N, C-alpha and C. Protein backbone atom coordinates (compact mmCIF):
# COMPACT_ATOMS: atom_id res chain seq x y z
N UNK A 1 47.18 -18.40 4.90
CA UNK A 1 46.50 -17.30 5.10
C UNK A 1 47.25 -16.75 6.07
N UNK A 2 46.94 -15.04 6.10
CA UNK A 2 47.88 -14.35 7.08
C UNK A 2 47.42 -14.41 8.28
N UNK A 3 48.28 -14.42 9.20
CA UNK A 3 48.13 -14.43 10.76
C UNK A 3 47.99 -12.59 11.36
N UNK A 4 47.97 -11.88 10.45
CA UNK A 4 47.99 -10.27 10.76
C UNK A 4 46.64 -10.06 11.07
N UNK A 5 46.24 -9.24 12.11
CA UNK A 5 45.07 -8.93 12.70
C UNK A 5 44.50 -7.73 11.69
N UNK A 6 43.30 -8.10 11.19
CA UNK A 6 43.36 -6.96 10.10
C UNK A 6 41.92 -5.83 11.08
N UNK A 7 41.38 -6.54 11.92
CA UNK A 7 40.60 -5.85 13.11
C UNK A 7 38.84 -6.01 12.56
N UNK A 8 38.93 -7.13 11.51
CA UNK A 8 37.47 -7.04 11.43
C UNK A 8 37.17 -8.63 11.53
N UNK A 9 38.03 -9.12 12.50
CA UNK A 9 37.72 -10.54 13.18
C UNK A 9 36.45 -10.45 13.83
N UNK A 10 35.51 -11.72 13.54
CA UNK A 10 34.52 -11.85 14.09
C UNK A 10 33.05 -10.75 13.98
N UNK A 11 33.53 -9.83 12.90
CA UNK A 11 32.48 -8.85 12.48
C UNK A 11 31.82 -9.79 10.87
N UNK A 12 30.58 -10.03 11.13
CA UNK A 12 29.73 -10.40 10.26
C UNK A 12 28.65 -9.43 9.48
N UNK A 13 28.54 -9.63 8.13
CA UNK A 13 27.74 -8.56 7.42
C UNK A 13 26.33 -8.31 8.10
N UNK A 14 25.97 -7.04 8.20
CA UNK A 14 24.69 -6.75 8.53
C UNK A 14 24.14 -5.43 8.06
N UNK A 15 23.17 -5.13 7.37
CA UNK A 15 22.82 -4.09 6.53
C UNK A 15 22.08 -3.10 7.74
N UNK A 16 22.69 -1.90 7.51
CA UNK A 16 21.92 -0.74 8.60
C UNK A 16 20.64 -0.56 8.20
N UNK A 17 19.87 0.04 9.03
CA UNK A 17 18.16 0.38 8.75
C UNK A 17 18.36 1.96 8.24
N UNK A 18 19.45 2.61 8.33
CA UNK A 18 19.28 3.73 8.19
C UNK A 18 20.08 3.71 6.35
N UNK A 19 19.44 4.79 5.63
CA UNK A 19 19.48 4.98 4.14
C UNK A 19 19.64 6.25 3.69
N UNK A 20 20.30 6.88 4.30
CA UNK A 20 20.41 8.46 3.88
C UNK A 20 21.27 8.76 3.03
N UNK A 21 21.25 9.21 1.97
CA UNK A 21 21.93 9.37 0.67
C UNK A 21 22.24 11.20 0.91
N UNK A 22 23.39 11.43 0.83
CA UNK A 22 23.52 12.86 1.06
C UNK A 22 24.19 13.61 -0.13
N UNK A 23 24.04 14.87 -0.56
CA UNK A 23 24.27 15.39 -1.89
C UNK A 23 25.84 15.41 -1.92
N UNK A 24 26.49 15.48 -3.00
CA UNK A 24 27.77 15.64 -3.16
C UNK A 24 28.25 14.69 -3.97
N UNK A 25 29.65 14.72 -4.26
CA UNK A 25 30.13 13.93 -5.28
C UNK A 25 30.75 12.40 -4.34
N UNK A 26 30.75 11.44 -4.86
CA UNK A 26 30.98 9.84 -4.38
C UNK A 26 32.21 9.43 -5.04
N UNK A 27 33.04 8.58 -4.46
CA UNK A 27 34.02 7.73 -4.78
C UNK A 27 34.03 6.26 -5.08
N UNK A 28 34.29 5.88 -6.18
CA UNK A 28 34.26 4.04 -6.02
C UNK A 28 35.77 3.56 -5.96
N UNK A 29 35.60 2.95 -4.39
CA UNK A 29 37.21 2.50 -3.78
C UNK A 29 37.01 1.36 -3.72
N UNK A 30 38.39 0.75 -3.44
CA UNK A 30 38.82 -0.58 -3.29
C UNK A 30 39.51 -0.33 -1.86
N UNK A 31 39.10 -1.36 -0.80
CA UNK A 31 40.23 -1.64 0.28
C UNK A 31 41.24 -2.34 -0.04
N UNK A 32 42.20 -1.34 0.25
CA UNK A 32 43.67 -1.63 0.01
C UNK A 32 44.31 -2.66 1.04
N UNK A 33 44.00 -2.07 2.38
CA UNK A 33 44.71 -2.92 3.45
C UNK A 33 43.62 -2.46 5.25
N UNK A 34 43.66 -3.38 5.90
CA UNK A 34 42.97 -3.03 7.19
C UNK A 34 44.23 -3.75 8.20
N UNK A 35 44.16 -2.72 9.28
CA UNK A 35 44.39 -3.40 10.40
C UNK A 35 43.86 -2.69 11.88
N UNK A 36 44.28 -3.84 13.07
CA UNK A 36 43.69 -3.39 14.12
C UNK A 36 44.85 -2.41 14.68
N UNK A 37 44.44 -1.34 15.66
CA UNK A 37 45.39 -0.37 15.86
C UNK A 37 44.63 0.46 17.03
N UNK A 38 45.04 1.43 17.36
CA UNK A 38 44.10 2.08 18.61
C UNK A 38 44.26 3.73 18.15
N UNK A 39 43.77 4.58 19.25
CA UNK A 39 43.75 6.22 19.03
C UNK A 39 44.73 6.77 19.33
N UNK A 40 45.84 5.63 19.85
CA UNK A 40 47.01 6.70 20.59
C UNK A 40 48.28 6.28 19.68
N UNK A 41 48.31 5.82 18.47
CA UNK A 41 49.15 5.66 17.47
C UNK A 41 49.03 6.26 15.98
N UNK A 42 49.75 6.45 15.36
CA UNK A 42 49.46 6.88 14.11
C UNK A 42 49.50 5.73 13.10
N UNK A 43 49.24 5.96 11.76
CA UNK A 43 48.85 4.80 10.69
C UNK A 43 49.98 4.23 10.70
N UNK A 44 51.26 4.61 11.23
CA UNK A 44 52.74 3.87 10.94
C UNK A 44 52.91 3.00 12.44
N UNK A 45 52.00 3.23 13.41
CA UNK A 45 52.02 2.64 14.78
C UNK A 45 52.82 3.27 15.70
N UNK A 46 53.18 4.54 15.22
CA UNK A 46 54.06 5.46 16.04
C UNK A 46 53.15 5.98 17.27
N UNK A 47 53.56 6.36 18.38
CA UNK A 47 52.79 6.88 19.38
C UNK A 47 52.85 8.08 19.32
N UNK A 48 51.28 8.70 19.52
CA UNK A 48 51.09 10.03 19.16
C UNK A 48 51.60 11.02 20.35
N UNK A 49 52.03 12.24 20.09
CA UNK A 49 52.45 13.22 21.26
C UNK A 49 51.10 13.86 21.88
N UNK A 50 49.95 13.79 21.26
CA UNK A 50 48.94 14.46 21.45
C UNK A 50 48.42 14.33 23.18
N UNK A 51 48.27 15.42 23.83
CA UNK A 51 48.05 15.08 25.12
C UNK A 51 46.78 14.90 25.12
N UNK A 52 46.26 14.04 26.08
CA UNK A 52 44.89 13.44 26.36
C UNK A 52 44.62 13.46 27.84
N UNK A 53 43.48 13.33 28.08
CA UNK A 53 43.27 13.73 29.78
C UNK A 53 43.00 12.21 30.34
N UNK A 54 42.95 11.31 29.53
CA UNK A 54 42.59 9.92 29.78
C UNK A 54 43.64 8.90 29.09
N UNK A 55 43.70 7.80 29.79
CA UNK A 55 44.95 6.81 29.67
C UNK A 55 44.80 5.70 28.95
N UNK A 56 43.38 5.61 28.52
CA UNK A 56 43.13 4.40 27.62
C UNK A 56 42.89 4.79 26.36
N UNK A 57 43.58 4.07 25.31
CA UNK A 57 43.40 4.12 23.89
C UNK A 57 41.90 3.44 23.51
N UNK A 58 41.22 4.16 22.70
CA UNK A 58 40.09 3.34 21.81
C UNK A 58 40.74 2.30 20.90
N UNK A 59 40.22 1.16 21.03
CA UNK A 59 40.62 0.46 19.84
C UNK A 59 39.77 0.51 18.35
N UNK A 60 40.41 0.33 17.39
CA UNK A 60 40.24 0.85 16.30
C UNK A 60 40.70 -0.20 15.08
N UNK A 61 39.68 -0.12 13.64
CA UNK A 61 40.28 -0.51 12.70
C UNK A 61 40.55 0.24 11.84
N UNK A 62 42.02 0.60 11.34
CA UNK A 62 42.48 1.36 10.31
C UNK A 62 42.45 0.79 9.04
N UNK A 63 41.52 1.48 8.15
CA UNK A 63 41.74 0.88 6.68
C UNK A 63 42.09 2.12 5.83
N UNK A 64 42.89 1.56 4.66
CA UNK A 64 43.18 2.20 3.70
C UNK A 64 42.37 2.07 2.22
N UNK A 65 42.05 3.25 1.72
CA UNK A 65 41.31 3.00 0.32
C UNK A 65 41.54 3.47 -0.88
N UNK A 66 41.51 3.14 -1.66
CA UNK A 66 42.40 3.56 -3.12
C UNK A 66 41.54 3.71 -4.32
N UNK A 67 41.61 4.52 -4.98
CA UNK A 67 41.07 4.58 -6.35
C UNK A 67 42.10 5.25 -7.61
N UNK A 68 41.37 5.32 -8.66
CA UNK A 68 42.47 6.08 -9.51
C UNK A 68 42.74 7.60 -9.27
N UNK A 69 41.80 8.20 -8.34
CA UNK A 69 41.95 9.52 -8.08
C UNK A 69 42.79 9.59 -6.86
N UNK A 70 43.31 8.64 -5.83
CA UNK A 70 44.16 8.93 -5.21
C UNK A 70 43.67 7.64 -3.50
N UNK A 71 44.29 7.79 -2.55
CA UNK A 71 44.13 7.05 -1.45
C UNK A 71 43.54 7.80 0.07
N UNK A 72 42.90 7.03 0.58
CA UNK A 72 42.16 7.76 1.92
C UNK A 72 42.31 6.94 3.01
N UNK A 73 42.78 7.23 4.09
CA UNK A 73 42.33 6.44 5.58
C UNK A 73 41.62 6.64 6.05
N UNK A 74 40.90 5.69 6.93
CA UNK A 74 39.81 5.98 7.54
C UNK A 74 39.88 4.96 8.97
N UNK A 75 39.42 5.39 10.00
CA UNK A 75 39.25 4.80 11.52
C UNK A 75 37.90 4.48 11.75
N UNK A 76 37.61 3.02 12.07
CA UNK A 76 36.71 2.66 12.68
C UNK A 76 36.93 2.63 14.13
N UNK A 77 35.99 3.21 14.77
CA UNK A 77 36.13 2.77 16.48
C UNK A 77 35.50 1.45 16.74
N UNK A 78 36.00 0.84 17.77
CA UNK A 78 35.54 -0.25 18.22
C UNK A 78 34.69 -0.29 19.60
N UNK A 79 35.31 0.60 20.09
CA UNK A 79 34.26 0.95 21.44
C UNK A 79 33.76 2.53 21.55
N UNK A 80 32.76 2.54 22.37
CA UNK A 80 32.40 4.08 22.84
C UNK A 80 32.28 4.31 24.12
N UNK A 81 32.27 5.37 24.70
CA UNK A 81 32.41 5.95 26.16
C UNK A 81 31.45 6.86 26.75
N UNK A 82 31.07 6.60 27.95
CA UNK A 82 30.33 7.35 28.28
C UNK A 82 30.61 8.83 28.55
N UNK A 83 29.98 9.62 28.31
CA UNK A 83 29.93 11.10 28.31
C UNK A 83 29.66 11.78 30.08
N UNK A 84 30.60 12.34 30.66
CA UNK A 84 30.57 12.87 31.87
C UNK A 84 29.36 13.53 32.12
N UNK A 85 28.90 14.51 31.17
CA UNK A 85 27.41 15.06 31.28
C UNK A 85 26.06 14.27 31.25
N UNK A 86 26.23 12.95 31.18
CA UNK A 86 25.14 12.25 30.90
C UNK A 86 25.28 11.36 32.26
N UNK A 87 26.22 11.47 33.08
CA UNK A 87 25.94 10.74 34.27
C UNK A 87 25.22 11.52 35.08
N UNK A 88 24.48 10.69 36.12
CA UNK A 88 23.77 11.04 37.14
C UNK A 88 24.80 11.65 38.00
N UNK A 89 24.47 12.58 38.96
CA UNK A 89 25.23 13.46 40.03
C UNK A 89 25.55 12.28 40.85
N UNK A 90 24.63 11.64 41.39
CA UNK A 90 24.55 10.33 42.58
C UNK A 90 25.82 9.49 42.22
N UNK A 91 25.57 9.04 41.08
CA UNK A 91 26.23 8.08 40.62
C UNK A 91 27.86 8.59 40.62
N UNK A 92 27.83 9.81 40.24
CA UNK A 92 29.26 10.14 39.84
C UNK A 92 30.08 10.18 41.63
N UNK A 93 29.03 10.66 42.83
CA UNK A 93 29.90 10.75 44.01
C UNK A 93 29.88 9.70 44.47
N UNK A 94 28.87 8.75 44.27
CA UNK A 94 29.20 7.26 44.94
C UNK A 94 30.44 6.32 44.18
N UNK A 95 30.59 6.49 42.87
CA UNK A 95 31.77 5.80 42.32
C UNK A 95 33.05 6.55 42.34
N UNK A 96 33.19 8.00 42.61
CA UNK A 96 34.22 8.58 42.53
C UNK A 96 34.52 8.93 40.89
N UNK A 97 33.64 9.07 40.17
CA UNK A 97 33.72 9.43 38.78
C UNK A 97 34.30 10.46 38.48
N UNK A 98 35.30 10.64 37.75
CA UNK A 98 35.95 12.31 37.35
C UNK A 98 35.61 12.38 35.62
N UNK A 99 35.64 13.51 35.41
CA UNK A 99 35.57 14.26 34.14
C UNK A 99 36.94 14.16 33.40
N UNK A 100 37.16 13.26 32.25
CA UNK A 100 38.49 13.32 31.49
C UNK A 100 37.98 13.54 30.05
N UNK A 101 38.26 15.02 29.63
CA UNK A 101 38.22 15.82 28.74
C UNK A 101 36.60 15.39 28.07
N UNK A 102 35.85 15.43 29.00
CA UNK A 102 34.18 15.16 28.35
C UNK A 102 33.92 13.71 28.55
N UNK A 103 34.71 13.18 28.86
CA UNK A 103 34.35 11.68 29.26
C UNK A 103 34.11 11.33 30.74
N UNK A 104 33.36 10.41 31.19
CA UNK A 104 33.29 9.89 32.43
C UNK A 104 34.23 8.76 32.57
N UNK A 105 34.91 8.67 33.59
CA UNK A 105 36.49 8.17 33.84
C UNK A 105 36.29 7.72 35.49
N UNK A 106 37.29 6.69 35.51
CA UNK A 106 37.33 6.40 37.22
C UNK A 106 38.94 6.29 37.05
N UNK A 107 39.43 6.59 38.22
CA UNK A 107 40.91 6.75 38.44
C UNK A 107 41.59 5.03 39.02
N UNK A 108 42.56 4.43 38.12
CA UNK A 108 43.11 3.45 38.54
C UNK A 108 44.08 3.51 39.98
N UNK A 109 44.73 2.71 40.25
CA UNK A 109 45.76 2.53 41.26
C UNK A 109 46.67 3.77 41.15
N UNK A 110 47.10 4.18 39.83
CA UNK A 110 48.11 4.68 39.60
C UNK A 110 47.43 6.12 39.20
N UNK A 111 46.29 6.39 39.50
CA UNK A 111 45.62 7.59 39.31
C UNK A 111 45.31 8.16 37.99
N UNK A 112 45.52 7.11 37.01
CA UNK A 112 45.38 7.33 35.66
C UNK A 112 43.94 7.35 35.35
N UNK A 113 43.39 7.94 34.69
CA UNK A 113 41.82 8.14 34.08
C UNK A 113 41.75 7.01 33.06
N UNK A 114 40.54 6.16 33.50
CA UNK A 114 40.17 5.26 32.41
C UNK A 114 38.73 5.54 32.31
N UNK A 115 38.02 5.68 30.88
CA UNK A 115 37.12 6.08 30.48
C UNK A 115 36.12 5.00 30.65
N UNK A 116 34.91 5.24 31.14
CA UNK A 116 33.89 4.21 31.31
C UNK A 116 33.22 3.74 30.16
N UNK A 117 33.13 2.46 29.51
CA UNK A 117 32.55 1.91 28.38
C UNK A 117 31.01 2.32 28.46
N UNK A 118 30.55 2.52 27.33
CA UNK A 118 29.12 2.70 27.14
C UNK A 118 28.63 1.78 26.20
N UNK A 119 27.86 0.58 26.74
CA UNK A 119 27.58 -0.35 25.77
C UNK A 119 26.76 -0.13 24.56
N UNK A 120 25.88 0.89 24.87
CA UNK A 120 25.02 1.04 23.70
C UNK A 120 25.85 1.86 22.48
N UNK A 121 26.84 2.56 23.06
CA UNK A 121 27.60 3.22 21.90
C UNK A 121 28.52 2.14 21.42
N UNK A 122 29.16 1.37 22.45
CA UNK A 122 30.19 0.16 21.66
C UNK A 122 29.16 -0.78 20.47
N UNK A 123 27.79 -0.86 20.89
CA UNK A 123 27.12 -1.42 20.19
C UNK A 123 26.96 -0.71 18.78
N UNK A 124 26.72 0.77 18.76
CA UNK A 124 26.78 1.25 17.46
C UNK A 124 28.15 1.34 16.77
N UNK A 125 29.10 1.31 17.43
CA UNK A 125 30.48 1.13 16.83
C UNK A 125 30.43 -0.25 15.86
N UNK A 126 30.07 -1.23 16.54
CA UNK A 126 30.06 -2.58 15.97
C UNK A 126 28.89 -2.83 14.63
N UNK A 127 27.77 -1.83 14.72
CA UNK A 127 26.65 -2.00 13.80
C UNK A 127 27.40 -1.27 12.43
N UNK A 128 28.26 -0.18 12.93
CA UNK A 128 28.91 0.40 11.75
C UNK A 128 29.83 -0.37 11.08
N UNK A 129 30.62 -1.18 11.74
CA UNK A 129 31.61 -2.26 11.26
C UNK A 129 30.93 -3.25 10.33
N UNK A 130 29.61 -3.78 11.17
CA UNK A 130 28.61 -4.78 10.09
C UNK A 130 28.16 -4.18 8.97
N UNK A 131 27.80 -2.66 8.86
CA UNK A 131 27.05 -2.41 7.74
C UNK A 131 28.34 -2.06 6.57
N UNK A 132 29.38 -1.81 7.27
CA UNK A 132 30.25 -1.46 6.28
C UNK A 132 30.80 -2.85 5.87
N UNK A 133 30.96 -3.81 6.30
CA UNK A 133 31.29 -5.20 5.87
C UNK A 133 29.86 -5.78 4.88
N UNK A 134 28.62 -5.41 5.16
CA UNK A 134 27.71 -5.51 4.19
C UNK A 134 28.02 -4.59 2.77
N UNK A 135 28.17 -3.45 2.98
CA UNK A 135 28.35 -2.63 1.80
C UNK A 135 29.75 -3.13 0.89
N UNK A 136 30.77 -3.98 1.81
CA UNK A 136 31.71 -4.17 0.89
C UNK A 136 31.69 -5.47 0.27
N UNK A 137 30.98 -6.46 1.05
CA UNK A 137 30.94 -7.56 0.44
C UNK A 137 29.37 -8.25 0.27
N UNK A 138 28.29 -7.47 0.61
CA UNK A 138 27.08 -8.39 0.84
C UNK A 138 26.68 -9.13 1.70
N UNK A 139 25.63 -9.51 1.65
CA UNK A 139 25.08 -10.22 3.11
C UNK A 139 25.71 -11.44 3.61
N UNK A 140 26.61 -12.01 2.80
CA UNK A 140 27.69 -12.90 3.33
C UNK A 140 28.89 -12.51 3.89
N UNK A 141 29.22 -11.16 3.86
CA UNK A 141 30.56 -10.63 4.21
C UNK A 141 30.56 -11.17 5.51
N UNK A 142 32.01 -11.30 5.60
CA UNK A 142 32.56 -11.83 6.99
C UNK A 142 34.04 -11.32 7.26
N UNK A 143 34.04 -10.61 8.57
CA UNK A 143 35.66 -9.98 8.78
C UNK A 143 36.64 -11.13 8.47
N UNK A 144 36.32 -12.38 8.80
CA UNK A 144 37.57 -13.27 8.67
C UNK A 144 37.82 -13.45 7.24
N UNK A 145 37.26 -12.76 6.19
CA UNK A 145 37.36 -13.10 4.75
C UNK A 145 38.24 -11.56 4.24
N UNK A 146 38.24 -10.54 5.01
CA UNK A 146 38.76 -9.35 4.38
C UNK A 146 39.94 -9.29 3.45
N UNK A 147 40.97 -10.00 3.63
CA UNK A 147 42.25 -10.51 2.84
C UNK A 147 41.42 -10.79 1.33
N UNK A 148 40.76 -11.70 1.54
CA UNK A 148 40.00 -12.08 -0.12
C UNK A 148 39.46 -11.10 -0.48
N UNK A 149 38.66 -10.17 0.14
CA UNK A 149 37.67 -9.03 -0.25
C UNK A 149 38.82 -8.36 -0.97
N UNK A 150 39.86 -8.02 -0.32
CA UNK A 150 41.18 -6.91 -0.76
C UNK A 150 41.74 -7.44 -2.05
N UNK A 151 42.22 -8.91 -2.27
CA UNK A 151 42.45 -9.61 -3.24
C UNK A 151 41.75 -9.54 -4.39
N UNK A 152 40.36 -9.63 -4.12
CA UNK A 152 39.53 -9.46 -5.31
C UNK A 152 39.14 -8.16 -5.75
N UNK A 153 39.62 -7.19 -5.02
CA UNK A 153 39.34 -5.78 -5.26
C UNK A 153 37.92 -5.22 -5.26
N UNK A 154 37.10 -5.83 -4.30
CA UNK A 154 35.71 -5.48 -4.15
C UNK A 154 35.79 -4.05 -4.03
N UNK A 155 34.71 -3.16 -4.73
CA UNK A 155 34.52 -2.02 -4.66
C UNK A 155 33.26 -1.39 -3.65
N UNK A 156 33.41 -0.33 -3.04
CA UNK A 156 32.53 0.11 -2.28
C UNK A 156 32.75 1.78 -2.53
N UNK A 157 31.19 2.34 -2.42
CA UNK A 157 31.03 3.62 -2.89
C UNK A 157 31.23 4.65 -1.21
N UNK A 158 31.97 5.30 -1.60
CA UNK A 158 32.35 6.14 -0.55
C UNK A 158 32.07 8.06 -0.59
N UNK A 159 31.37 8.65 0.54
CA UNK A 159 31.45 10.11 0.34
C UNK A 159 32.34 10.45 1.15
N UNK A 160 32.84 11.50 0.77
CA UNK A 160 33.83 12.36 1.28
C UNK A 160 33.36 13.79 1.48
N UNK A 161 33.67 14.50 2.47
CA UNK A 161 33.07 16.05 2.88
C UNK A 161 34.10 16.44 3.86
N UNK A 162 34.01 17.78 3.73
CA UNK A 162 34.72 18.48 4.78
C UNK A 162 34.45 18.47 6.25
N UNK A 163 35.36 18.36 7.16
CA UNK A 163 34.46 18.62 8.55
C UNK A 163 34.49 19.87 8.92
N UNK A 164 33.00 20.15 8.93
CA UNK A 164 33.21 21.69 9.46
C UNK A 164 32.91 21.96 11.27
N UNK A 165 33.34 20.80 11.90
CA UNK A 165 32.92 21.46 13.24
C UNK A 165 34.17 21.89 13.69
N UNK A 166 34.14 22.39 14.91
CA UNK A 166 35.11 23.22 15.35
C UNK A 166 36.35 22.46 15.80
N UNK A 167 36.45 21.11 15.99
CA UNK A 167 37.45 20.34 16.22
C UNK A 167 38.22 19.68 14.98
N UNK A 168 37.27 19.99 13.75
CA UNK A 168 37.53 19.37 12.70
C UNK A 168 38.83 19.93 11.88
N UNK A 169 39.06 21.12 12.01
CA UNK A 169 40.02 21.79 11.16
C UNK A 169 39.75 21.83 9.56
N UNK A 170 38.75 21.16 9.35
CA UNK A 170 38.53 21.32 7.62
C UNK A 170 38.87 20.07 7.05
N UNK A 171 39.38 19.00 7.86
CA UNK A 171 39.90 17.89 7.56
C UNK A 171 38.85 17.42 6.75
N UNK A 172 39.32 16.41 5.63
CA UNK A 172 38.31 15.51 4.77
C UNK A 172 37.91 14.01 5.65
N UNK A 173 36.58 13.92 5.77
CA UNK A 173 35.87 12.94 6.55
C UNK A 173 35.18 11.98 5.77
N UNK A 174 34.92 10.72 6.00
CA UNK A 174 33.93 9.96 5.46
C UNK A 174 32.80 10.10 6.04
N UNK A 175 31.48 10.64 5.06
CA UNK A 175 30.28 10.89 5.43
C UNK A 175 29.48 9.75 5.57
N UNK A 176 29.69 8.73 4.37
CA UNK A 176 29.06 7.59 4.26
C UNK A 176 29.52 6.56 3.68
N UNK A 177 29.19 5.10 3.52
CA UNK A 177 29.46 4.18 2.75
C UNK A 177 28.15 3.34 1.98
N UNK A 178 28.20 3.19 0.93
CA UNK A 178 27.02 2.50 0.28
C UNK A 178 27.65 1.39 -0.35
N UNK A 179 26.47 0.25 -1.08
CA UNK A 179 26.96 -0.50 -1.98
C UNK A 179 27.16 0.17 -3.38
N UNK A 180 28.18 -0.72 -3.93
CA UNK A 180 28.36 -0.59 -5.64
C UNK A 180 27.53 -1.34 -6.25
N UNK A 181 26.73 -0.47 -7.03
CA UNK A 181 25.45 -1.40 -7.61
C UNK A 181 25.61 -1.26 -9.13
N UNK A 182 24.79 -2.11 -9.76
CA UNK A 182 24.49 -2.24 -11.36
C UNK A 182 24.65 -0.39 -12.04
N UNK A 183 23.88 0.11 -11.09
CA UNK A 183 23.66 1.59 -11.57
C UNK A 183 24.92 2.06 -11.75
N UNK A 184 25.89 2.03 -10.35
CA UNK A 184 27.08 2.47 -10.67
C UNK A 184 28.08 2.01 -11.76
N UNK A 185 27.70 0.81 -11.84
CA UNK A 185 28.93 0.31 -13.05
C UNK A 185 28.41 1.02 -14.18
N UNK A 186 26.91 1.05 -14.36
CA UNK A 186 26.62 1.87 -15.94
C UNK A 186 27.22 3.30 -15.83
N UNK A 187 27.05 3.86 -14.66
CA UNK A 187 27.63 5.15 -14.61
C UNK A 187 29.16 5.51 -14.90
N UNK A 188 29.81 4.25 -14.39
CA UNK A 188 31.15 4.51 -14.71
C UNK A 188 31.77 3.94 -16.28
N UNK A 189 30.65 3.14 -16.49
CA UNK A 189 30.72 2.62 -18.33
C UNK A 189 30.60 4.10 -18.99
N UNK A 190 29.61 4.90 -18.63
CA UNK A 190 29.05 5.95 -19.41
C UNK A 190 30.24 7.02 -19.24
N UNK A 191 31.08 7.34 -18.35
CA UNK A 191 31.84 8.37 -17.70
C UNK A 191 33.13 7.72 -18.55
N UNK A 192 33.72 6.59 -18.88
CA UNK A 192 34.86 6.36 -19.32
C UNK A 192 34.49 6.62 -21.04
N UNK A 193 33.05 6.15 -21.26
CA UNK A 193 32.88 6.60 -22.87
C UNK A 193 33.06 7.85 -23.14
N UNK A 194 32.27 8.54 -22.38
CA UNK A 194 32.58 10.12 -22.71
C UNK A 194 34.19 10.72 -22.59
N UNK A 195 34.84 10.20 -21.45
CA UNK A 195 36.18 10.56 -21.46
C UNK A 195 36.91 10.12 -22.98
N UNK A 196 36.94 9.03 -23.40
CA UNK A 196 37.47 8.39 -24.31
C UNK A 196 36.91 9.29 -25.93
N UNK A 197 35.83 9.70 -25.68
CA UNK A 197 35.28 10.50 -26.85
C UNK A 197 35.95 11.98 -26.83
N UNK A 198 36.10 12.53 -25.48
CA UNK A 198 36.39 13.72 -25.60
C UNK A 198 38.13 13.79 -25.85
N UNK A 199 38.85 12.77 -25.37
CA UNK A 199 40.10 12.70 -25.95
C UNK A 199 40.51 12.25 -26.93
């Protein structure tokens, strides 16, 4: 068994109560690899030169998915942070909280801005990871077995779309994941059959 951190350690499968299917194409993909990383480095582990107002990176799980159509990387956040605008003015004054790029932060002894973790948002991040594990490996899915799921080429359905936000710059983002079902198997067989007939 590999000792490399996949980032899914301690994550048990748990199905989300949300079940929103959006219009648009979906992709049948396999998890190719995953690793624990953070928001201050790129996919190769090289430090980003992007300027940030805060000094603490967000812990993340970086994954790569693959299909016959190509590959796609995605980052799952493992922590969430309080927004400055959400903070009560009395708390801001009492605890000397500062604004760090829209986040509520405190100053450490070196005057670096450290964001304040939001337990509810961190729990939401955890629930997203649990739901992904459920969709990848079913109700018995366990982050300790991610390398096994990779080796077995488990399939998950992924919906991609263009990020239309001002910060998104039109990049491709993951909109949702869902389980690979018997209906998907039938759809793939029908597609393969029609393509062979056309060929």
